[in-house]
Amino acid sequence: MSEALPFLDLSDPAFSTRGPEVLAARDHGWCAQTPFGLAVLRYREVGKILRDRRFRQGSHNWPDTVGINGSFAEFWKQSVIGQEGDTHRRLRALAVPALSETYVQSLIPEFKDIAEALCSDMRRSESCDFLQAFCEPFAGQAITTLLGLDREEWPMVAHDASELGLAMGIDAKSYEGRFNAACERLHQLADKLVVKVRCGADTQSYVARLVADFDRNGNCSHDELLNIIVISIFGGVDTTRALLGLGLSLFIESPDQWQELRADASLIPAAIEEFIRARPTTTWATREAVEDVEVNGLTIAKGTVLHLLIHASACDPEICNDSRFDITVRRRKHFGFGGGAHHCIGHYVARTDMAAAIGALRKNFVRFEYDGVPVWRPDSGNTGAMTLPVRYEVLH
């Protein structure tokens, strides 16, 4: 039966998880073969597999899949993302309370202030590279706020977090030296932040809250604490930076939707969810079978890796009659933040800082258009803009 499955070459840098071959494979059936295991293409099966305890988080083997070694590979395998069972629950129990909704909401005024200041800078011109002018500094300053650092320190933090993002693409091997060096620098930063808390110089930040939980429960090692901080920096910067660029590109390509947003601020949360559905930065979630599992008559052998394609599942005709980007349509829940036991720890932070950013942009700019050709990372693994030249009309 497996021989009859369509084949999708996820290892091809030109491959797009939103491409016509993916849609054709989805029409054929719920899964396809790839060089990395199976791709799961339909909404119902993605949802079931994310919740099925016979599958574990599959990202732990990503370094082996793309052939990378060194400090990042070791960090990734030991991180909360790469763990299962009691170890995973123990690490999540450290991080989740530190990112409570009440705490994250207390940061909204600072997120808004960062966004307004960047918009003010953009207003001095009529064009920019949106990635450099807004996405990177906003994501960087948002994470420094979370970490209890001065905003002026954002370039180093954002740069190293973005360097880690290079490890998540199918071309990761060519960047190995860069992301390993960045991983080591971020662990050194995490250690300094913990020392700052221990000295009493920081009592309010996310790191301070982590350290308090760490001391209270005493069930994690110092290295595990540092890993939680580094994975938080990586996820916080890379997700926000990429989604802002991807979201703006969707508005440029559907200018009527930007006007809908400008007319109604209550559409901001729906716009963020629509970004993730229509142009996800994490193009697949990964699971690995821990035993032989039968799904829809297909036996999936123990050890098989499944890549759950976010765009294909969220645009599945079974749950989506019209997949065009539209922030006014009620949609079924997407899986852009994963699901089940490994649902993204930082999803509320990402949604909250993104809302502050989009809110400021809609108040300052009448319209956007491309001012050249954007350069994108491969549209598989983790994607996003590398350059995003835009022109815009300022609201006076």
Protein backbone atom coordinates (compact mmCIF):
# COMPACT_ATOMS: atom_id res chain seq x y z
CA MET A 1 0.00 0.00 0.00
CA SER A 2 2.85 2.42 0.83
CA GLU A 3 4.24 2.07 -2.71
CA ALA A 4 1.08 3.71 -4.07
CA LEU A 5 1.54 6.85 -1.98
CA PRO A 6 2.54 10.10 -3.72
CA PHE A 7 6.11 11.30 -3.14
CA LEU A 8 6.96 14.81 -1.92
CA ASP A 9 10.62 15.81 -1.93
CA LEU A 10 10.89 17.84 1.27
CA SER A 11 14.69 17.83 0.88
CA ASP A 12 14.55 20.00 -2.27
CA PRO A 13 15.30 23.66 -1.33
CA ALA A 14 12.85 24.74 -4.05
CA PHE A 15 10.04 22.64 -2.58
CA SER A 16 7.08 24.49 -1.04
CA THR A 17 4.76 22.94 1.50
CA ARG A 18 2.08 25.17 -0.07
CA GLY A 19 2.85 24.04 -3.62
CA PRO A 20 0.55 22.37 -6.17
CA GLU A 21 2.18 18.97 -5.71
CA VAL A 22 1.20 19.04 -2.03
CA LEU A 23 -2.39 19.92 -2.87
CA ALA A 24 -2.48 17.16 -5.49
CA ALA A 25 -1.13 14.66 -2.96
CA ARG A 26 -3.78 15.77 -0.45
CA ASP A 27 -6.46 15.14 -3.07
CA HIS A 28 -5.02 11.64 -3.52
CA GLY A 29 -5.08 10.74 0.18
CA TRP A 30 -4.25 11.74 3.72
CA CYS A 31 -0.48 11.14 3.52
CA ALA A 32 2.52 10.99 1.20
CA GLN A 33 6.03 9.62 1.25
CA THR A 34 9.01 11.95 1.73
CA PRO A 35 12.79 11.50 2.20
CA PHE A 36 12.19 12.15 5.91
CA GLY A 37 9.24 9.80 6.53
CA LEU A 38 5.56 10.42 5.89
CA ALA A 39 3.86 13.77 5.29
CA VAL A 40 0.37 14.05 6.78
CA LEU A 41 -1.80 16.33 4.66
CA ARG A 42 -5.37 16.36 5.95
CA TYR A 43 -6.90 18.16 8.89
CA ARG A 44 -8.60 15.23 10.59
CA GLU A 45 -5.52 13.00 10.57
CA VAL A 46 -3.20 15.80 11.73
CA GLY A 47 -5.47 16.50 14.71
CA LYS A 48 -5.74 12.83 15.65
CA ILE A 49 -2.00 12.17 15.43
CA LEU A 50 -1.13 15.23 17.53
CA ARG A 51 -3.32 13.87 20.33
CA ASP A 52 -2.36 10.19 19.98
CA ARG A 53 0.06 9.05 22.70
CA ARG A 54 1.37 6.32 20.37
CA PHE A 55 3.32 9.11 18.68
CA ARG A 56 6.04 11.16 20.39
CA GLN A 57 7.46 14.53 19.43
CA GLY A 58 9.56 13.78 16.37
CA SER A 59 11.70 16.91 16.29
CA HIS A 60 14.24 15.36 18.65
CA ASN A 61 15.81 13.63 15.64
CA TRP A 62 15.93 16.72 13.39
CA PRO A 63 19.71 17.16 13.82
CA ASP A 64 20.24 13.58 12.63
CA THR A 65 17.75 14.04 9.78
CA VAL A 66 19.67 16.97 8.29
CA GLY A 67 23.12 15.77 9.43
CA ILE A 68 24.12 18.52 11.85
CA ASN A 69 26.37 18.14 14.90
CA GLY A 70 27.75 20.26 17.71
CA SER A 71 26.35 22.47 20.45
CA PHE A 72 23.00 23.18 18.78
CA ALA A 73 22.29 19.51 18.10
CA GLU A 74 23.04 18.59 21.72
CA PHE A 75 20.96 21.50 23.04
CA TRP A 76 18.04 20.62 20.76
CA LYS A 77 17.96 16.98 21.79
CA GLN A 78 18.02 17.91 25.49
CA SER A 79 15.49 20.75 25.23
CA VAL A 80 11.85 20.53 26.26
CA ILE A 81 11.01 20.07 22.57
CA GLY A 82 13.13 16.94 22.36
CA GLN A 83 11.94 15.28 25.56
CA GLU A 84 8.99 13.03 26.38
CA GLY A 85 7.19 11.58 29.37
CA ASP A 86 8.15 12.61 32.87
CA THR A 87 11.12 14.71 31.74
CA HIS A 88 8.96 16.67 29.31
CA ARG A 89 6.24 17.23 31.91
CA ARG A 90 8.83 18.37 34.46
CA LEU A 91 10.36 20.91 32.08
CA ARG A 92 6.97 22.25 30.95
CA ALA A 93 5.96 22.61 34.60
CA LEU A 94 8.91 24.96 35.03
CA ALA A 95 8.20 27.12 31.98
CA VAL A 96 4.41 27.32 31.69
CA PRO A 97 3.65 29.13 35.01
CA ALA A 98 6.39 31.66 34.27
CA LEU A 99 4.48 32.65 31.12
CA SER A 100 1.06 33.00 32.70
CA GLU A 101 -1.53 35.12 30.88
CA THR A 102 -1.53 37.65 33.71
CA TYR A 103 2.23 38.13 33.44
CA VAL A 104 2.23 38.35 29.64
CA GLN A 105 -0.64 40.86 29.69
CA SER A 106 1.40 43.04 32.05
CA LEU A 107 3.92 43.44 29.22
CA ILE A 108 1.40 44.75 26.67
CA PRO A 109 2.13 48.46 27.34
CA GLU A 110 5.82 47.84 26.65
CA PHE A 111 5.08 45.82 23.51
CA LYS A 112 2.87 48.67 22.25
CA ASP A 113 5.53 51.26 23.06
CA ILE A 114 8.15 49.29 21.10
CA ALA A 115 5.84 49.01 18.08
CA GLU A 116 4.88 52.69 18.09
CA ALA A 117 8.51 53.78 18.30
CA LEU A 118 9.41 51.63 15.29
CA CYS A 119 6.42 52.96 13.34
CA SER A 120 7.57 56.48 14.17
CA ASP A 121 10.97 55.68 12.65
CA MET A 122 9.34 54.20 9.54
CA ARG A 123 7.19 57.31 9.09
CA ARG A 124 10.31 59.33 8.30
CA SER A 125 10.54 57.56 4.95
CA GLU A 126 8.27 56.01 2.34
CA SER A 127 10.10 52.71 1.97
CA CYS A 128 12.24 50.27 3.91
CA ASP A 129 13.29 46.66 4.27
CA PHE A 130 10.44 45.74 6.59
CA LEU A 131 12.43 42.87 8.07
CA GLN A 132 15.24 45.18 9.22
CA ALA A 133 13.10 48.22 10.02
CA PHE A 134 10.36 46.50 11.98
CA CYS A 135 10.31 42.69 12.25
CA GLU A 136 13.77 42.12 13.70
CA PRO A 137 13.90 45.09 16.09
CA PHE A 138 10.35 44.47 17.31
CA ALA A 139 10.96 40.78 17.98
CA GLY A 140 14.34 41.56 19.52
CA GLN A 141 13.05 44.29 21.83
CA ALA A 142 10.03 42.20 22.81
CA ILE A 143 12.33 39.38 23.95
CA THR A 144 14.66 41.75 25.83
CA THR A 145 11.57 43.02 27.65
CA LEU A 146 10.69 39.45 28.59
CA LEU A 147 14.27 38.74 29.73
CA GLY A 148 14.64 41.90 31.80
CA LEU A 149 17.35 43.35 29.53
CA ASP A 150 17.64 46.92 28.28
CA ARG A 151 16.03 47.34 24.88
CA GLU A 152 19.32 48.56 23.45
CA GLU A 153 20.70 45.05 23.81
CA TRP A 154 18.23 43.62 21.28
CA PRO A 155 20.56 43.40 18.22
CA MET A 156 22.80 40.74 19.74
CA VAL A 157 19.91 38.69 21.11
CA ALA A 158 17.87 38.91 17.91
CA HIS A 159 20.89 38.12 15.74
CA ASP A 160 21.75 34.97 17.64
CA ALA A 161 18.13 33.81 17.81
CA SER A 162 17.84 34.28 14.04
CA GLU A 163 21.08 32.34 13.58
CA LEU A 164 19.52 29.43 15.46
CA GLY A 165 16.65 29.56 13.00
CA LEU A 166 19.08 28.51 10.28
CA ALA A 167 19.28 25.12 11.98
CA MET A 168 15.61 24.44 11.29
CA GLY A 169 15.72 24.54 7.50
CA ILE A 170 16.43 21.65 5.18
CA ASP A 171 19.68 23.42 4.20
CA ALA A 172 20.85 23.54 7.84
CA LYS A 173 24.17 21.78 7.29
CA SER A 174 25.58 24.72 5.32
CA TYR A 175 25.08 27.02 8.35
CA GLU A 176 26.36 24.67 11.06
CA GLY A 177 29.24 26.84 12.27
CA ARG A 178 27.03 29.91 12.57
CA PHE A 179 24.19 28.41 14.59
CA ASN A 180 26.54 26.43 16.85
CA ALA A 181 28.39 29.63 17.75
CA ALA A 182 25.09 31.43 18.34
CA CYS A 183 23.86 28.59 20.54
CA GLU A 184 26.96 28.87 22.72
CA ARG A 185 26.58 32.64 23.04
CA LEU A 186 22.92 32.35 24.03
CA HIS A 187 23.75 29.80 26.73
CA GLN A 188 26.35 32.21 28.08
CA LEU A 189 23.72 34.97 28.07
CA ALA A 190 21.23 32.71 29.85
CA ASP A 191 23.79 31.98 32.55
CA LYS A 192 24.44 35.72 33.03
CA LEU A 193 20.70 36.36 33.33
CA VAL A 194 20.38 33.73 36.05
CA VAL A 195 23.31 35.29 37.92
CA LYS A 196 21.58 38.67 37.62
CA VAL A 197 18.49 37.21 39.29
CA ARG A 198 20.54 35.52 41.99
CA CYS A 199 22.22 38.85 42.79
CA GLY A 200 18.83 40.50 43.29
CA ALA A 201 19.23 42.78 40.27
CA ASP A 202 16.16 41.28 38.55
CA THR A 203 13.01 40.27 40.40
CA GLN A 204 10.30 40.78 37.75
CA SER A 205 11.33 39.26 34.41
CA TYR A 206 10.44 35.92 32.86
CA VAL A 207 13.88 34.69 33.90
CA ALA A 208 13.24 35.79 37.49
CA ARG A 209 9.96 33.88 37.44
CA LEU A 210 11.71 30.80 36.03
CA VAL A 211 14.40 30.92 38.69
CA ALA A 212 11.79 31.28 41.44
CA ASP A 213 9.97 28.18 40.18
CA PHE A 214 13.29 26.38 39.77
CA ASP A 215 14.24 27.12 43.39
CA ARG A 216 10.78 26.31 44.70
CA ASN A 217 10.52 22.89 43.03
CA GLY A 218 14.16 21.86 42.84
CA ASN A 219 13.51 19.18 40.24
CA CYS A 220 15.54 20.55 37.31
CA SER A 221 19.26 20.90 36.74
CA HIS A 222 21.02 24.20 36.06
CA ASP A 223 21.65 23.12 32.46
CA GLU A 224 17.94 22.40 32.01
CA LEU A 225 17.13 25.87 33.33
CA LEU A 226 19.53 27.43 30.82
CA ASN A 227 18.04 25.33 28.01
CA ILE A 228 14.54 26.60 28.85
CA ILE A 229 15.78 30.19 28.63
CA VAL A 230 17.55 29.60 25.31
CA ILE A 231 14.60 27.79 23.70
CA SER A 232 12.37 30.66 24.86
CA ILE A 233 14.67 33.22 23.24
CA PHE A 234 14.83 31.20 20.03
CA GLY A 235 11.10 30.62 19.76
CA GLY A 236 10.18 34.12 20.87
CA VAL A 237 12.36 35.96 18.38
CA ASP A 238 12.19 33.66 15.38
CA THR A 239 8.41 33.13 15.45
CA THR A 240 7.47 36.80 15.88
CA ARG A 241 10.05 38.06 13.38
CA ALA A 242 9.01 35.58 10.71
CA LEU A 243 5.25 35.86 11.22
CA LEU A 244 5.30 39.65 10.97
CA GLY A 245 7.00 39.45 7.59
CA LEU A 246 4.79 36.63 6.35
CA GLY A 247 1.69 38.45 7.56
CA LEU A 248 2.59 41.72 5.86
CA SER A 249 3.23 39.87 2.60
CA LEU A 250 -0.27 38.41 2.80
CA PHE A 251 -1.74 41.89 3.29
CA ILE A 252 0.31 43.23 0.36
CA GLU A 253 -1.04 40.45 -1.86
CA SER A 254 -4.60 40.99 -0.55
CA PRO A 255 -4.81 44.79 -0.04
CA ASP A 256 -8.57 44.65 0.62
CA GLN A 257 -7.78 42.70 3.80
CA TRP A 258 -5.51 45.48 5.04
CA GLN A 259 -8.37 47.92 4.64
CA GLU A 260 -10.67 45.53 6.53
CA LEU A 261 -8.16 45.55 9.38
CA ARG A 262 -7.75 49.32 9.31
CA ALA A 263 -11.51 49.70 9.62
CA ASP A 264 -11.91 47.25 12.50
CA ALA A 265 -9.28 46.72 15.20
CA SER A 266 -11.27 43.80 16.61
CA LEU A 267 -10.03 41.76 13.62
CA ILE A 268 -6.42 41.77 14.91
CA PRO A 269 -6.64 38.38 16.69
CA ALA A 270 -8.30 36.80 13.64
CA ALA A 271 -5.61 38.29 11.39
CA ILE A 272 -2.85 36.66 13.44
CA GLU A 273 -4.55 33.25 13.26
CA GLU A 274 -5.05 33.74 9.53
CA PHE A 275 -1.33 34.50 9.08
CA ILE A 276 -0.50 31.15 10.63
CA ARG A 277 -3.14 29.28 8.65
CA ALA A 278 -2.33 30.82 5.27
CA ARG A 279 1.47 31.29 5.54
CA PRO A 280 2.87 29.41 8.55
CA THR A 281 6.46 30.00 9.59
CA THR A 282 6.70 26.49 11.06
CA THR A 283 5.60 24.54 8.02
CA TRP A 284 5.22 21.21 9.76
CA ALA A 285 4.90 19.67 13.21
CA THR A 286 6.70 16.35 13.64
CA ARG A 287 5.75 13.12 15.37
CA GLU A 288 7.41 9.70 15.60
CA ALA A 289 5.60 6.39 16.09
CA VAL A 290 6.65 4.71 19.37
CA GLU A 291 4.92 1.47 18.34
CA ASP A 292 3.33 0.07 15.22
CA VAL A 293 0.19 2.11 14.55
CA GLU A 294 -2.60 1.62 12.02
CA VAL A 295 -4.13 4.79 10.58
CA ASN A 296 -6.87 4.54 7.96
CA GLY A 297 -5.73 1.06 7.00
CA LEU A 298 -2.05 2.01 6.66
CA THR A 299 0.36 0.39 9.11
CA ILE A 300 2.92 2.91 10.34
CA ALA A 301 5.94 1.07 11.66
CA LYS A 302 7.53 1.96 15.00
CA GLY A 303 10.16 4.65 14.47
CA THR A 304 8.48 6.17 11.41
CA VAL A 305 8.62 9.98 11.43
CA LEU A 306 5.52 11.88 10.35
CA HIS A 307 5.60 15.52 9.25
CA LEU A 308 2.19 17.11 9.80
CA LEU A 309 1.94 19.83 7.15
CA ILE A 310 0.34 22.93 8.69
CA HIS A 311 -0.82 24.72 5.53
CA ALA A 312 -2.16 21.64 3.77
CA SER A 313 -4.16 20.58 6.83
CA ALA A 314 -5.50 24.07 7.60
CA CYS A 315 -6.61 24.54 3.98
CA ASP A 316 -8.11 21.04 3.69
CA PRO A 317 -11.35 21.35 1.66
CA GLU A 318 -13.04 19.14 4.24
CA ILE A 319 -12.93 22.03 6.75
CA CYS A 320 -12.18 25.02 4.49
CA ASN A 321 -14.45 25.86 1.56
CA ASP A 322 -12.35 28.83 0.44
CA SER A 323 -8.68 28.86 1.45
CA ARG A 324 -7.94 32.43 0.30
CA PHE A 325 -6.49 34.78 2.90
CA ASP A 326 -9.48 36.37 4.62
CA ILE A 327 -9.38 37.76 8.16
CA THR A 328 -13.18 38.13 8.31
CA VAL A 329 -14.00 34.41 7.98
CA ARG A 330 -14.37 32.12 11.00
CA ARG A 331 -11.91 29.25 10.64
CA ARG A 332 -11.33 25.90 12.29
CA LYS A 333 -8.40 25.77 14.69
CA HIS A 334 -5.05 25.52 12.89
CA PHE A 335 -2.09 23.50 14.16
CA GLY A 336 0.58 26.17 13.70
CA PHE A 337 1.48 25.96 17.40
CA GLY A 338 1.37 22.16 17.39
CA GLY A 339 -1.01 20.36 19.69
CA GLY A 340 -1.34 17.75 22.40
CA ALA A 341 1.36 17.45 25.06
CA HIS A 342 3.79 19.49 22.94
CA HIS A 343 1.54 22.49 22.26
CA CYS A 344 3.86 25.51 22.02
CA ILE A 345 4.71 26.95 25.43
CA GLY A 346 5.07 30.49 24.09
CA HIS A 347 1.91 30.67 21.96
CA TYR A 348 0.28 33.31 24.17
CA VAL A 349 3.37 35.53 24.12
CA ALA A 350 3.53 35.28 20.32
CA ARG A 351 -0.14 36.15 19.92
CA THR A 352 0.15 39.03 22.39
CA ASP A 353 3.26 40.77 21.04
CA MET A 354 2.05 40.23 17.46
CA ALA A 355 -1.23 41.94 18.36
CA ALA A 356 0.66 44.98 19.68
CA ALA A 357 2.73 45.13 16.48
CA ILE A 358 -0.23 44.81 14.10
CA GLY A 359 -2.21 47.31 16.13
CA ALA A 360 0.49 49.95 15.75
CA LEU A 361 0.98 49.31 12.03
CA ARG A 362 -2.74 49.63 11.21
CA LYS A 363 -2.86 53.02 12.96
CA ASN A 364 0.14 54.42 11.11
CA PHE A 365 0.00 53.20 7.52
CA VAL A 366 -2.70 53.41 4.87
CA ARG A 367 -1.29 50.75 2.55
CA PHE A 368 1.78 48.68 1.74
CA GLU A 369 3.21 47.32 -1.49
CA TYR A 370 6.39 45.50 -2.50
CA ASP A 371 9.33 47.74 -3.44
CA GLY A 372 11.35 44.99 -5.06
CA VAL A 373 11.38 41.20 -4.84
CA PRO A 374 11.41 39.67 -1.33
CA VAL A 375 13.93 36.94 -0.57
CA TRP A 376 12.54 34.01 1.40
CA ARG A 377 13.99 31.07 3.25
CA PRO A 378 13.02 27.71 1.72
CA ASP A 379 9.27 27.17 2.15
CA SER A 380 9.76 24.07 4.27
CA GLY A 381 11.09 23.51 7.78
CA ASN A 382 11.01 27.00 9.31
CA THR A 383 10.43 29.72 6.74
CA GLY A 384 10.26 33.51 6.64
CA ALA A 385 11.67 36.52 4.85
CA MET A 386 15.39 37.20 4.51
CA THR A 387 14.70 40.59 2.91
CA LEU A 388 11.30 42.26 2.53
CA PRO A 389 11.49 45.59 0.61
CA VAL A 390 8.26 47.58 0.88
CA ARG A 391 6.81 50.99 0.06
CA TYR A 392 3.98 52.46 2.08
CA GLU A 393 1.67 55.41 2.53
CA VAL A 394 1.81 57.06 5.94
CA LEU A 395 -1.47 57.98 7.65
CA HIS A 396 -1.42 61.71 8.44
